[in-house]
PDB file of N, CA and C in Angstrom:
ATOM      1  N   MET A   1      29.000  13.633 -13.378  1.00  0.00           N
ATOM      2  CA  MET A   1      30.039  12.643 -13.671  1.00  0.00           C
ATOM      3  C   MET A   1      29.838  11.089 -13.269  1.00  0.00           C
ATOM      4  N   SER A   2      29.868  10.551 -14.344  1.00  0.00           N
ATOM      5  CA  SER A   2      29.335   9.026 -14.122  1.00  0.00           C
ATOM      6  C   SER A   2      30.230   8.223 -13.392  1.00  0.00           C
ATOM      7  N   ALA A   3      29.979   7.257 -12.828  1.00  0.00           N
ATOM      8  CA  ALA A   3      30.861   6.388 -12.083  1.00  0.00           C
ATOM      9  C   ALA A   3      32.200   5.910 -12.928  1.00  0.00           C
ATOM     10  N   GLY A   4      31.787   5.629 -14.350  1.00  0.00           N
ATOM     11  CA  GLY A   4      32.901   5.315 -15.175  1.00  0.00           C
ATOM     12  C   GLY A   4      34.165   6.416 -15.447  1.00  0.00           C
ATOM     13  N   THR A   5      33.430   7.533 -15.558  1.00  0.00           N
ATOM     14  CA  THR A   5      34.722   8.751 -15.729  1.00  0.00           C
ATOM     15  C   THR A   5      34.961   9.392 -14.413  1.00  0.00           C
ATOM     16  N   ARG A   6      34.962   8.807 -12.920  1.00  0.00           N
ATOM     17  CA  ARG A   6      35.273   9.626 -12.062  1.00  0.00           C
ATOM     18  C   ARG A   6      36.965   9.702 -11.946  1.00  0.00           C
ATOM     19  N   THR A   7      37.160  10.725 -11.447  1.00  0.00           N
ATOM     20  CA  THR A   7      38.736  11.174 -11.119  1.00  0.00           C
ATOM     21  C   THR A   7      39.120  11.815 -10.062  1.00  0.00           C
ATOM     22  N   THR A   8      40.182  11.424  -9.409  1.00  0.00           N
ATOM     23  CA  THR A   8      40.458  12.107  -8.186  1.00  0.00           C
ATOM     24  C   THR A   8      41.634  12.877  -8.485  1.00  0.00           C
ATOM     25  N   THR A   9      41.765  14.277  -8.268  1.00  0.00           N
ATOM     26  CA  THR A   9      42.719  15.429  -8.371  1.00  0.00           C
ATOM     27  C   THR A   9      43.148  15.746  -6.987  1.00  0.00           C
ATOM     28  N   SER A  10      43.980  16.594  -7.243  1.00  0.00           N
ATOM     29  CA  SER A  10      45.024  17.076  -6.030  1.00  0.00           C
ATOM     30  C   SER A  10      43.835  18.190  -5.339  1.00  0.00           C
ATOM     31  N   ARG A  11      43.900  18.430  -4.432  1.00  0.00           N
ATOM     32  CA  ARG A  11      42.779  19.376  -3.719  1.00  0.00           C
ATOM     33  C   ARG A  11      43.696  20.832  -3.365  1.00  0.00           C
ATOM     34  N   ALA A  12      43.225  21.918  -3.365  1.00  0.00           N
ATOM     35  CA  ALA A  12      43.799  23.132  -3.340  1.00  0.00           C
ATOM     36  C   ALA A  12      43.296  23.357  -1.767  1.00  0.00           C
ATOM     37  N   LYS A  13      44.435  24.080  -1.000  1.00  0.00           N
ATOM     38  CA  LYS A  13      44.026  24.059   0.382  1.00  0.00           C
ATOM     39  C   LYS A  13      42.933  24.848   0.499  1.00  0.00           C
ATOM     40  N   PRO A  14      42.036  24.288   1.417  1.00  0.00           N
ATOM     41  CA  PRO A  14      40.845  24.834   1.715  1.00  0.00           C
ATOM     42  C   PRO A  14      41.269  26.068   2.647  1.00  0.00           C
ATOM     43  N   GLN A  15      39.921  27.108   2.290  1.00  0.00           N
ATOM     44  CA  GLN A  15      40.059  28.314   2.916  1.00  0.00           C
ATOM     45  C   GLN A  15      39.751  28.400   4.117  1.00  0.00           C
ATOM     46  N   GLU A  16      40.575  29.128   5.153  1.00  0.00           N
ATOM     47  CA  GLU A  16      40.032  29.022   6.762  1.00  0.00           C
ATOM     48  C   GLU A  16      38.891  29.609   6.935  1.00  0.00           C
ATOM     49  N   PHE A  17      37.929  28.885   7.858  1.00  0.00           N
ATOM     50  CA  PHE A  17      36.805  29.123   7.810  1.00  0.00           C
ATOM     51  C   PHE A  17      36.505  30.437   9.154  1.00  0.00           C
ATOM     52  N   PRO A  18      35.901  31.300   8.898  1.00  0.00           N
ATOM     53  CA  PRO A  18      36.057  32.469  10.105  1.00  0.00           C
ATOM     54  C   PRO A  18      35.205  32.169  11.156  1.00  0.00           C
ATOM     55  N   GLY A  19      35.714  32.777  12.076  1.00  0.00           N
ATOM     56  CA  GLY A  19      34.596  32.565  13.357  1.00  0.00           C
ATOM     57  C   GLY A  19      35.254  31.780  14.576  1.00  0.00           C
ATOM     58  N   ASN A  20      35.205  32.262  15.624  1.00  0.00           N
ATOM     59  CA  ASN A  20      35.828  31.629  16.596  1.00  0.00           C
ATOM     60  C   ASN A  20      34.931  31.133  17.772  1.00  0.00           C
ATOM     61  N   CYS A  21      33.360  31.273  17.580  1.00  0.00           N
ATOM     62  CA  CYS A  21      32.395  30.827  18.715  1.00  0.00           C
ATOM     63  C   CYS A  21      32.362  29.254  18.331  1.00  0.00           C
ATOM     64  N   THR A  22      31.654  28.659  19.496  1.00  0.00           N
ATOM     65  CA  THR A  22      31.250  27.371  19.663  1.00  0.00           C
ATOM     66  C   THR A  22      30.828  26.780  18.219  1.00  0.00           C
ATOM     67  N   LEU A  23      29.785  27.258  17.983  1.00  0.00           N
ATOM     68  CA  LEU A  23      28.948  26.854  16.709  1.00  0.00           C
ATOM     69  C   LEU A  23      29.874  27.031  15.560  1.00  0.00           C
ATOM     70  N   GLU A  24      30.424  28.024  15.253  1.00  0.00           N
ATOM     71  CA  GLU A  24      31.305  28.380  14.122  1.00  0.00           C
ATOM     72  C   GLU A  24      32.404  27.284  14.124  1.00  0.00           C
ATOM     73  N   LYS A  25      33.085  26.930  15.318  1.00  0.00           N
ATOM     74  CA  LYS A  25      34.246  25.891  15.340  1.00  0.00           C
ATOM     75  C   LYS A  25      33.320  24.244  14.893  1.00  0.00           C
ATOM     76  N   ALA A  26      32.036  24.166  15.300  1.00  0.00           N
ATOM     77  CA  ALA A  26      31.382  22.870  15.007  1.00  0.00           C
ATOM     78  C   ALA A  26      31.233  22.793  13.593  1.00  0.00           C
ATOM     79  N   LEU A  27      30.629  23.889  12.995  1.00  0.00           N
ATOM     80  CA  LEU A  27      30.461  23.821  11.746  1.00  0.00           C
ATOM     81  C   LEU A  27      31.756  23.687  10.610  1.00  0.00           C
ATOM     82  N   SER A  28      32.848  24.304  11.308  1.00  0.00           N
ATOM     83  CA  SER A  28      33.965  24.227  10.373  1.00  0.00           C
ATOM     84  C   SER A  28      34.471  22.692  10.573  1.00  0.00           C
ATOM     85  N   THR A  29      34.391  21.985  11.855  1.00  0.00           N
ATOM     86  CA  THR A  29      34.896  20.583  11.930  1.00  0.00           C
ATOM     87  C   THR A  29      33.911  19.591  11.254  1.00  0.00           C
ATOM     88  N   ILE A  30      32.533  19.929  10.779  1.00  0.00           N
ATOM     89  CA  ILE A  30      31.387  19.245  10.006  1.00  0.00           C
ATOM     90  C   ILE A  30      32.099  19.106   8.667  1.00  0.00           C
ATOM     91  N   VAL A  31      32.495  20.138   8.342  1.00  0.00           N
ATOM     92  CA  VAL A  31      33.071  20.281   6.848  1.00  0.00           C
ATOM     93  C   VAL A  31      34.452  19.867   6.929  1.00  0.00           C
ATOM     94  N   ASP A  32      35.341  19.930   7.747  1.00  0.00           N
ATOM     95  CA  ASP A  32      36.562  19.120   7.621  1.00  0.00           C
ATOM     96  C   ASP A  32      36.562  17.845   7.419  1.00  0.00           C
ATOM     97  N   VAL A  33      35.616  17.077   8.562  1.00  0.00           N
ATOM     98  CA  VAL A  33      35.422  15.576   8.546  1.00  0.00           C
ATOM     99  C   VAL A  33      34.738  15.204   7.379  1.00  0.00           C
ATOM    100  N   TYR A  34      33.916  15.857   6.670  1.00  0.00           N
ATOM    101  CA  TYR A  34      33.272  15.657   5.276  1.00  0.00           C
ATOM    102  C   TYR A  34      34.317  15.582   4.256  1.00  0.00           C
ATOM    103  N   HIS A  35      35.248  16.679   4.290  1.00  0.00           N
ATOM    104  CA  HIS A  35      36.435  16.411   3.080  1.00  0.00           C
ATOM    105  C   HIS A  35      37.445  15.492   3.525  1.00  0.00           C
ATOM    106  N   ARG A  36      37.648  15.396   4.724  1.00  0.00           N
ATOM    107  CA  ARG A  36      38.747  13.999   4.813  1.00  0.00           C
ATOM    108  C   ARG A  36      38.088  12.927   4.207  1.00  0.00           C
ATOM    109  N   TYR A  37      36.701  12.343   4.125  1.00  0.00           N
ATOM    110  CA  TYR A  37      36.512  11.431   3.709  1.00  0.00           C
ATOM    111  C   TYR A  37      36.071  11.323   2.281  1.00  0.00           C
ATOM    112  N   SER A  38      35.400  12.621   1.833  1.00  0.00           N
ATOM    113  CA  SER A  38      35.079  12.811   0.474  1.00  0.00           C
ATOM    114  C   SER A  38      36.342  12.319  -0.653  1.00  0.00           C
ATOM    115  N   ILE A  39      37.390  12.883  -0.082  1.00  0.00           N
ATOM    116  CA  ILE A  39      38.751  12.835  -1.215  1.00  0.00           C
ATOM    117  C   ILE A  39      39.126  11.220  -1.307  1.00  0.00           C
ATOM    118  N   ARG A  40      38.642  10.214  -0.408  1.00  0.00           N
ATOM    119  CA  ARG A  40      39.120   8.694  -0.610  1.00  0.00           C
ATOM    120  C   ARG A  40      39.162   8.245  -1.640  1.00  0.00           C
ATOM    121  N   GLU A  41      37.935   8.604  -2.538  1.00  0.00           N
ATOM    122  CA  GLU A  41      37.562   7.495  -3.574  1.00  0.00           C
ATOM    123  C   GLU A  41      36.519   8.552  -4.573  1.00  0.00           C
ATOM    124  N   GLY A  42      36.692   8.612  -5.860  1.00  0.00           N
ATOM    125  CA  GLY A  42      35.999   8.974  -6.634  1.00  0.00           C
ATOM    126  C   GLY A  42      36.192  10.700  -6.545  1.00  0.00           C
ATOM    127  N   HIS A  43      35.109  11.470  -7.192  1.00  0.00           N
ATOM    128  CA  HIS A  43      35.028  12.770  -7.173  1.00  0.00           C
ATOM    129  C   HIS A  43      35.386  13.572  -5.572  1.00  0.00           C
ATOM    130  N   LEU A  44      36.061  14.655  -5.757  1.00  0.00           N
ATOM    131  CA  LEU A  44      36.709  15.418  -4.493  1.00  0.00           C
ATOM    132  C   LEU A  44      35.651  15.592  -3.585  1.00  0.00           C
ATOM    133  N   ASP A  45      34.416  15.838  -3.962  1.00  0.00           N
ATOM    134  CA  ASP A  45      33.646  16.634  -2.795  1.00  0.00           C
ATOM    135  C   ASP A  45      32.056  15.570  -2.922  1.00  0.00           C
ATOM    136  N   LEU A  46      32.390  14.507  -3.262  1.00  0.00           N
ATOM    137  CA  LEU A  46      31.278  13.415  -2.991  1.00  0.00           C
ATOM    138  C   LEU A  46      31.635  12.225  -2.132  1.00  0.00           C
ATOM    139  N   LEU A  47      30.806  11.706  -1.480  1.00  0.00           N
ATOM    140  CA  LEU A  47      31.187  10.584  -0.541  1.00  0.00           C
ATOM    141  C   LEU A  47      30.674   9.288  -1.353  1.00  0.00           C
ATOM    142  N   SER A  48      31.257   8.481  -1.860  1.00  0.00           N
ATOM    143  CA  SER A  48      30.887   7.131  -2.320  1.00  0.00           C
ATOM    144  C   SER A  48      30.578   6.130  -0.899  1.00  0.00           C
ATOM    145  N   PHE A  49      29.661   5.232  -1.285  1.00  0.00           N
ATOM    146  CA  PHE A  49      28.827   4.397  -0.232  1.00  0.00           C
ATOM    147  C   PHE A  49      29.870   4.037   0.792  1.00  0.00           C
ATOM    148  N   LYS A  50      31.261   3.632   0.187  1.00  0.00           N
ATOM    149  CA  LYS A  50      32.379   3.125   1.029  1.00  0.00           C
ATOM    150  C   LYS A  50      32.911   4.103   1.959  1.00  0.00           C
ATOM    151  N   ASP A  51      33.185   5.583   1.308  1.00  0.00           N
ATOM    152  CA  ASP A  51      33.570   6.504   1.974  1.00  0.00           C
ATOM    153  C   ASP A  51      32.372   6.920   3.303  1.00  0.00           C
ATOM    154  N   PHE A  52      31.143   6.774   2.676  1.00  0.00           N
ATOM    155  CA  PHE A  52      30.148   7.091   3.625  1.00  0.00           C
ATOM    156  C   PHE A  52      30.207   6.244   4.811  1.00  0.00           C
ATOM    157  N   GLN A  53      30.128   4.893   4.664  1.00  0.00           N
ATOM    158  CA  GLN A  53      30.509   3.953   5.584  1.00  0.00           C
ATOM    159  C   GLN A  53      31.475   4.221   6.603  1.00  0.00           C
ATOM    160  N   GLN A  54      32.528   4.532   5.973  1.00  0.00           N
ATOM    161  CA  GLN A  54      33.682   4.480   7.051  1.00  0.00           C
ATOM    162  C   GLN A  54      33.690   5.756   7.582  1.00  0.00           C
ATOM    163  N   LEU A  55      33.051   6.900   7.271  1.00  0.00           N
ATOM    164  CA  LEU A  55      32.977   8.185   7.880  1.00  0.00           C
ATOM    165  C   LEU A  55      32.230   7.845   9.145  1.00  0.00           C
ATOM    166  N   LEU A  56      31.129   7.342   8.930  1.00  0.00           N
ATOM    167  CA  LEU A  56      29.759   7.030  10.111  1.00  0.00           C
ATOM    168  C   LEU A  56      30.431   5.830  11.207  1.00  0.00           C
ATOM    169  N   THR A  57      31.136   4.774  10.711  1.00  0.00           N
ATOM    170  CA  THR A  57      31.606   4.149  11.647  1.00  0.00           C
ATOM    171  C   THR A  57      33.021   4.389  12.330  1.00  0.00           C
ATOM    172  N   GLU A  58      33.831   5.248  11.637  1.00  0.00           N
ATOM    173  CA  GLU A  58      34.621   5.832  12.530  1.00  0.00           C
ATOM    174  C   GLU A  58      34.357   7.021  13.256  1.00  0.00           C
ATOM    175  N   GLN A  59      33.279   7.732  12.989  1.00  0.00           N
ATOM    176  CA  GLN A  59      33.185   9.337  13.707  1.00  0.00           C
ATOM    177  C   GLN A  59      32.009   9.419  14.445  1.00  0.00           C
ATOM    178  N   ALA A  60      31.057   8.323  14.281  1.00  0.00           N
ATOM    179  CA  ALA A  60      29.561   8.229  14.855  1.00  0.00           C
ATOM    180  C   ALA A  60      29.345   6.906  15.532  1.00  0.00           C
ATOM    181  N   ARG A  61      30.226   6.120  16.008  1.00  0.00           N
ATOM    182  CA  ARG A  61      30.214   4.825  16.477  1.00  0.00           C
ATOM    183  C   ARG A  61      29.096   4.621  17.454  1.00  0.00           C
ATOM    184  N   THR A  62      29.186   5.619  18.289  1.00  0.00           N
ATOM    185  CA  THR A  62      28.128   5.491  19.455  1.00  0.00           C
ATOM    186  C   THR A  62      26.657   5.683  18.799  1.00  0.00           C
ATOM    187  N   PHE A  63      26.279   6.328  18.231  1.00  0.00           N
ATOM    188  CA  PHE A  63      25.157   6.693  17.394  1.00  0.00           C
ATOM    189  C   PHE A  63      24.528   5.667  16.458  1.00  0.00           C
ATOM    190  N   LEU A  64      25.589   5.025  15.913  1.00  0.00           N
ATOM    191  CA  LEU A  64      25.053   3.992  14.923  1.00  0.00           C
ATOM    192  C   LEU A  64      24.609   2.795  15.930  1.00  0.00           C
ATOM    193  N   GLN A  65      25.518   2.518  16.981  1.00  0.00           N
ATOM    194  CA  GLN A  65      25.047   1.360  17.728  1.00  0.00           C
ATOM    195  C   GLN A  65      23.596   1.342  18.315  1.00  0.00           C
ATOM    196  N   ALA A  66      23.001   2.503  18.576  1.00  0.00           N
ATOM    197  CA  ALA A  66      21.742   2.740  19.213  1.00  0.00           C
ATOM    198  C   ALA A  66      20.769   2.164  18.223  1.00  0.00           C
ATOM    199  N   CYS A  67      19.751   1.135  18.448  1.00  0.00           N
ATOM    200  CA  CYS A  67      18.660   0.469  17.676  1.00  0.00           C
ATOM    201  C   CYS A  67      19.331  -0.191  16.646  1.00  0.00           C
ATOM    202  N   GLY A  68      20.216  -0.879  16.907  1.00  0.00           N
ATOM    203  CA  GLY A  68      21.122  -1.414  15.681  1.00  0.00           C
ATOM    204  C   GLY A  68      21.426  -0.909  14.203  1.00  0.00           C
ATOM    205  N   ARG A  69      21.591   0.584  14.408  1.00  0.00           N
ATOM    206  CA  ARG A  69      21.884   1.213  13.265  1.00  0.00           C
ATOM    207  C   ARG A  69      23.596   1.130  12.836  1.00  0.00           C
ATOM    208  N   SER A  70      24.166   0.397  13.402  1.00  0.00           N
ATOM    209  CA  SER A  70      25.234  -0.193  12.900  1.00  0.00           C
ATOM    210  C   SER A  70      25.529  -1.268  11.876  1.00  0.00           C
ATOM    211  N   LYS A  71      24.292  -1.875  11.757  1.00  0.00           N
ATOM    212  CA  LYS A  71      24.178  -3.039  10.865  1.00  0.00           C
ATOM    213  C   LYS A  71      24.118  -2.267   9.399  1.00  0.00           C
ATOM    214  N   PRO A  72      24.866  -3.224   8.435  1.00  0.00           N
ATOM    215  CA  PRO A  72      25.242  -2.824   7.028  1.00  0.00           C
ATOM    216  C   PRO A  72      23.736  -2.416   6.227  1.00  0.00           C
ATOM    217  N   ASP A  73      22.886  -3.031   6.501  1.00  0.00           N
ATOM    218  CA  ASP A  73      21.652  -2.766   5.945  1.00  0.00           C
ATOM    219  C   ASP A  73      20.960  -1.541   6.326  1.00  0.00           C
ATOM    220  N   TYR A  74      21.126  -1.157   7.347  1.00  0.00           N
ATOM    221  CA  TYR A  74      20.895   0.289   8.173  1.00  0.00           C
ATOM    222  C   TYR A  74      21.636   1.378   7.099  1.00  0.00           C
ATOM    223  N   LEU A  75      22.973   1.237   6.986  1.00  0.00           N
ATOM    224  CA  LEU A  75      23.830   2.155   6.553  1.00  0.00           C
ATOM    225  C   LEU A  75      23.230   2.032   4.820  1.00  0.00           C
ATOM    226  N   THR A  76      22.994   1.109   4.293  1.00  0.00           N
ATOM    227  CA  THR A  76      22.884   0.812   2.999  1.00  0.00           C
ATOM    228  C   THR A  76      21.445   1.709   2.662  1.00  0.00           C
ATOM    229  N   LYS A  77      20.590   1.505   3.544  1.00  0.00           N
ATOM    230  CA  LYS A  77      19.262   1.966   3.334  1.00  0.00           C
ATOM    231  C   LYS A  77      19.259   3.277   3.545  1.00  0.00           C
ATOM    232  N   LEU A  78      19.938   4.089   4.623  1.00  0.00           N
ATOM    233  CA  LEU A  78      20.174   5.369   4.908  1.00  0.00           C
ATOM    234  C   LEU A  78      20.814   5.975   3.700  1.00  0.00           C
ATOM    235  N   PHE A  79      22.107   5.419   2.892  1.00  0.00           N
ATOM    236  CA  PHE A  79      22.719   5.862   1.852  1.00  0.00           C
ATOM    237  C   PHE A  79      21.562   6.007   0.786  1.00  0.00           C
ATOM    238  N   GLN A  80      20.957   5.145   0.379  1.00  0.00           N
ATOM    239  CA  GLN A  80      20.048   5.084  -0.723  1.00  0.00           C
ATOM    240  C   GLN A  80      19.105   6.147  -0.436  1.00  0.00           C
ATOM    241  N   GLU A  81      18.366   6.356   0.711  1.00  0.00           N
ATOM    242  CA  GLU A  81      17.328   7.395   0.926  1.00  0.00           C
ATOM    243  C   GLU A  81      17.836   8.699   0.880  1.00  0.00           C
ATOM    244  N   THR A  82      19.192   9.141   1.155  1.00  0.00           N
ATOM    245  CA  THR A  82      19.508  10.570   1.202  1.00  0.00           C
ATOM    246  C   THR A  82      20.328  10.536  -0.316  1.00  0.00           C
ATOM    247  N   ASP A  83      20.625   9.809  -1.058  1.00  0.00           N
ATOM    248  CA  ASP A  83      21.313   9.885  -2.148  1.00  0.00           C
ATOM    249  C   ASP A  83      20.083  10.322  -3.293  1.00  0.00           C
ATOM    250  N   LEU A  84      19.462  11.638  -3.228  1.00  0.00           N
ATOM    251  CA  LEU A  84      18.493  12.207  -3.807  1.00  0.00           C
ATOM    252  C   LEU A  84      18.602  12.185  -5.201  1.00  0.00           C
ATOM    253  N   ASP A  85      19.589  12.388  -6.057  1.00  0.00           N
ATOM    254  CA  ASP A  85      19.745  12.389  -7.268  1.00  0.00           C
ATOM    255  C   ASP A  85      20.378  10.906  -7.845  1.00  0.00           C
ATOM    256  N   LYS A  86      20.495  10.005  -6.956  1.00  0.00           N
ATOM    257  CA  LYS A  86      20.399   8.624  -7.356  1.00  0.00           C
ATOM    258  C   LYS A  86      21.750   8.369  -8.068  1.00  0.00           C
ATOM    259  N   ASP A  87      22.841   9.343  -7.732  1.00  0.00           N
ATOM    260  CA  ASP A  87      24.049   9.214  -8.622  1.00  0.00           C
ATOM    261  C   ASP A  87      25.036   8.330  -7.788  1.00  0.00           C
ATOM    262  N   LYS A  88      24.452   7.482  -6.643  1.00  0.00           N
ATOM    263  CA  LYS A  88      25.408   6.650  -5.832  1.00  0.00           C
ATOM    264  C   LYS A  88      26.699   7.209  -4.924  1.00  0.00           C
ATOM    265  N   GLU A  89      26.684   8.525  -4.927  1.00  0.00           N
ATOM    266  CA  GLU A  89      27.387   9.342  -4.101  1.00  0.00           C
ATOM    267  C   GLU A  89      26.657  10.294  -3.338  1.00  0.00           C
ATOM    268  N   LEU A  90      27.311  10.782  -2.364  1.00  0.00           N
ATOM    269  CA  LEU A  90      26.542  11.921  -1.607  1.00  0.00           C
ATOM    270  C   LEU A  90      27.134  13.263  -1.734  1.00  0.00           C
ATOM    271  N   SER A  91      26.385  14.181  -2.096  1.00  0.00           N
ATOM    272  CA  SER A  91      26.780  15.521  -1.887  1.00  0.00           C
ATOM    273  C   SER A  91      26.953  15.976  -0.834  1.00  0.00           C
ATOM    274  N   PHE A  92      27.845  17.022  -0.266  1.00  0.00           N
ATOM    275  CA  PHE A  92      27.654  17.585   1.502  1.00  0.00           C
ATOM    276  C   PHE A  92      26.214  17.855   1.459  1.00  0.00           C
ATOM    277  N   GLU A  93      25.615  18.569   0.536  1.00  0.00           N
ATOM    278  CA  GLU A  93      23.821  18.792   0.809  1.00  0.00           C
ATOM    279  C   GLU A  93      22.959  17.441   1.187  1.00  0.00           C
ATOM    280  N   GLU A  94      23.379  16.445   0.610  1.00  0.00           N
ATOM    281  CA  GLU A  94      22.834  15.238   0.896  1.00  0.00           C
ATOM    282  C   GLU A  94      23.311  14.493   2.124  1.00  0.00           C
ATOM    283  N   PHE A  95      24.369  14.916   2.423  1.00  0.00           N
ATOM    284  CA  PHE A  95      24.917  14.225   3.768  1.00  0.00           C
ATOM    285  C   PHE A  95      24.436  15.042   5.019  1.00  0.00           C
ATOM    286  N   LEU A  96      23.902  16.085   4.837  1.00  0.00           N
ATOM    287  CA  LEU A  96      23.284  16.821   5.893  1.00  0.00           C
ATOM    288  C   LEU A  96      22.125  16.426   6.398  1.00  0.00           C
ATOM    289  N   THR A  97      21.598  15.688   5.682  1.00  0.00           N
ATOM    290  CA  THR A  97      20.407  15.140   5.906  1.00  0.00           C
ATOM    291  C   THR A  97      20.616  13.616   6.923  1.00  0.00           C
ATOM    292  N   VAL A  98      21.742  12.959   6.568  1.00  0.00           N
ATOM    293  CA  VAL A  98      22.342  12.021   7.275  1.00  0.00           C
ATOM    294  C   VAL A  98      23.094  12.621   8.838  1.00  0.00           C
ATOM    295  N   LEU A  99      23.556  13.705   8.592  1.00  0.00           N
ATOM    296  CA  LEU A  99      23.876  14.358   9.872  1.00  0.00           C
ATOM    297  C   LEU A  99      22.935  14.754  10.841  1.00  0.00           C
ATOM    298  N   GLY A 100      21.916  15.273  10.251  1.00  0.00           N
ATOM    299  CA  GLY A 100      20.686  15.822  11.001  1.00  0.00           C
ATOM    300  C   GLY A 100      20.166  14.313  11.722  1.00  0.00           C
ATOM    301  N   LYS A 101      20.052  13.346  11.166  1.00  0.00           N
ATOM    302  CA  LYS A 101      19.413  11.849  11.946  1.00  0.00           C
ATOM    303  C   LYS A 101      20.597  11.804  13.181  1.00  0.00           C
ATOM    304  N   VAL A 102      21.854  11.876  13.040  1.00  0.00           N
ATOM    305  CA  VAL A 102      22.839  11.461  14.002  1.00  0.00           C
ATOM    306  C   VAL A 102      22.756  12.572  15.024  1.00  0.00           C
ATOM    307  N   THR A 103      22.558  13.935  14.553  1.00  0.00           N
ATOM    308  CA  THR A 103      22.248  14.794  15.646  1.00  0.00           C
ATOM    309  C   THR A 103      20.609  14.764  16.276  1.00  0.00           C
ATOM    310  N   ASP A 104      20.030  14.460  15.648  1.00  0.00           N
ATOM    311  CA  ASP A 104      18.743  13.985  16.476  1.00  0.00           C
ATOM    312  C   ASP A 104      18.768  12.766  17.430  1.00  0.00           C
ATOM    313  N   ASP A 105      19.625  11.672  17.289  1.00  0.00           N
ATOM    314  CA  ASP A 105      20.079  10.699  18.043  1.00  0.00           C
ATOM    315  C   ASP A 105      20.675  11.587  19.259  1.00  0.00           C
ATOM    316  N   ALA A 106      21.713  12.328  19.022  1.00  0.00           N
ATOM    317  CA  ALA A 106      22.498  12.912  20.103  1.00  0.00           C
ATOM    318  C   ALA A 106      21.595  13.551  21.215  1.00  0.00           C
ATOM    319  N   HIS A 107      20.586  14.449  20.468  1.00  0.00           N
ATOM    320  CA  HIS A 107      19.575  15.332  21.106  1.00  0.00           C
ATOM    321  C   HIS A 107      18.777  14.389  22.241  1.00  0.00           C
ATOM    322  N   ARG A 108      18.229  13.326  21.738  1.00  0.00           N
ATOM    323  CA  ARG A 108      17.407  12.335  22.376  1.00  0.00           C
ATOM    324  C   ARG A 108      18.203  11.765  23.315  1.00  0.00           C
ATOM    325  N   ILE A 109      19.378  11.204  23.292  1.00  0.00           N
ATOM    326  CA  ILE A 109      20.241  11.118  24.167  1.00  0.00           C
ATOM    327  C   ILE A 109      20.490  11.811  25.330  1.00  0.00           C
ATOM    328  N   MET A 110      20.569  13.083  25.479  1.00  0.00           N
ATOM    329  CA  MET A 110      21.035  14.033  26.293  1.00  0.00           C
ATOM    330  C   MET A 110      19.763  14.361  27.202  1.00  0.00           C
ATOM    331  N   HIS A 111      18.438  14.193  26.207  1.00  0.00           N
ATOM    332  CA  HIS A 111      17.237  14.275  26.963  1.00  0.00           C
ATOM    333  C   HIS A 111      16.702  12.728  27.758  1.00  0.00           C
ATOM    334  N   HIS A 112      17.572  11.875  27.606  1.00  0.00           N
ATOM    335  CA  HIS A 112      17.338  10.423  27.977  1.00  0.00           C
ATOM    336  C   HIS A 112      15.979   9.895  27.278  1.00  0.00           C
ATOM    337  N   GLU A 113      15.636  10.215  26.274  1.00  0.00           N
ATOM    338  CA  GLU A 113      14.590   9.792  25.455  1.00  0.00           C
ATOM    339  C   GLU A 113      14.754   8.438  24.621  1.00  0.00           C
ATOM    340  N   GLU A 114      13.698   7.822  24.514  1.00  0.00           N
ATOM    341  CA  GLU A 114      13.987   6.499  23.797  1.00  0.00           C
ATOM    342  C   GLU A 114      14.249   6.960  22.399  1.00  0.00           C
ATOM    343  N   ARG A 115      15.255   6.208  21.844  1.00  0.00           N
ATOM    344  CA  ARG A 115      15.693   6.518  20.435  1.00  0.00           C
ATOM    345  C   ARG A 115      15.084   5.587  19.581  1.00  0.00           C
ATOM    346  N   CYS A 116      14.371   4.552  19.893  1.00  0.00           N
ATOM    347  CA  CYS A 116      13.760   3.666  18.837  1.00  0.00           C
ATOM    348  C   CYS A 116      12.535   3.684  18.564  1.00  0.00           C
ATOM    349  N   LYS A 117      11.958   4.818  18.909  1.00  0.00           N
ATOM    350  CA  LYS A 117      10.304   5.034  18.198  1.00  0.00           C
ATOM    351  C   LYS A 117      10.272   5.201  17.180  1.00  0.00           C
ATOM    352  N   PRO A 118       9.024   4.870  16.801  1.00  0.00           N
ATOM    353  CA  PRO A 118       8.538   4.675  15.388  1.00  0.00           C
ATOM    354  C   PRO A 118       8.530   6.280  14.638  1.00  0.00           C
ATOM    355  N   GLY A 119       9.404   5.944  13.492  1.00  0.00           N
ATOM    356  CA  GLY A 119       9.514   7.168  12.771  1.00  0.00           C
ATOM    357  C   GLY A 119      10.765   8.183  13.418  1.00  0.00           C
ATOM    358  N   ARG A 120      11.532   7.531  13.861  1.00  0.00           N
ATOM    359  CA  ARG A 120      12.727   7.930  14.674  1.00  0.00           C
ATOM    360  C   ARG A 120      14.005   7.779  13.985  1.00  0.00           C
ATOM    361  N   ASP A 121      14.022   6.886  13.108  1.00  0.00           N
ATOM    362  CA  ASP A 121      15.041   6.582  12.292  1.00  0.00           C
ATOM    363  C   ASP A 121      16.043   7.635  11.387  1.00  0.00           C
TER     364      ASP A 121
END
């Protein structure tokens, strides 16, 4: 769908995610957070840059502050790098790359490792 023809429609109630284990709850939370931001502008299951920026600044503030990652140019670059089909929106699959980078930061923080090593962005 092109940017000029995007529309927002009402969303059906999401299906309840099965499972009650810690990882299953985390997976459900990830999907829920993505959906809370992807419905704000444009297509229901895609993140515009504005939605992407708001999601990360509200939900991953501590990780973005590491190594100057909260700077707008970092977020712009990250968005462009992960927008693999260059449609100026992130699908859930594309967003998982971003999530992987944030999770990698969290892992290094837990191990007291340097977060600003080359190739670690």
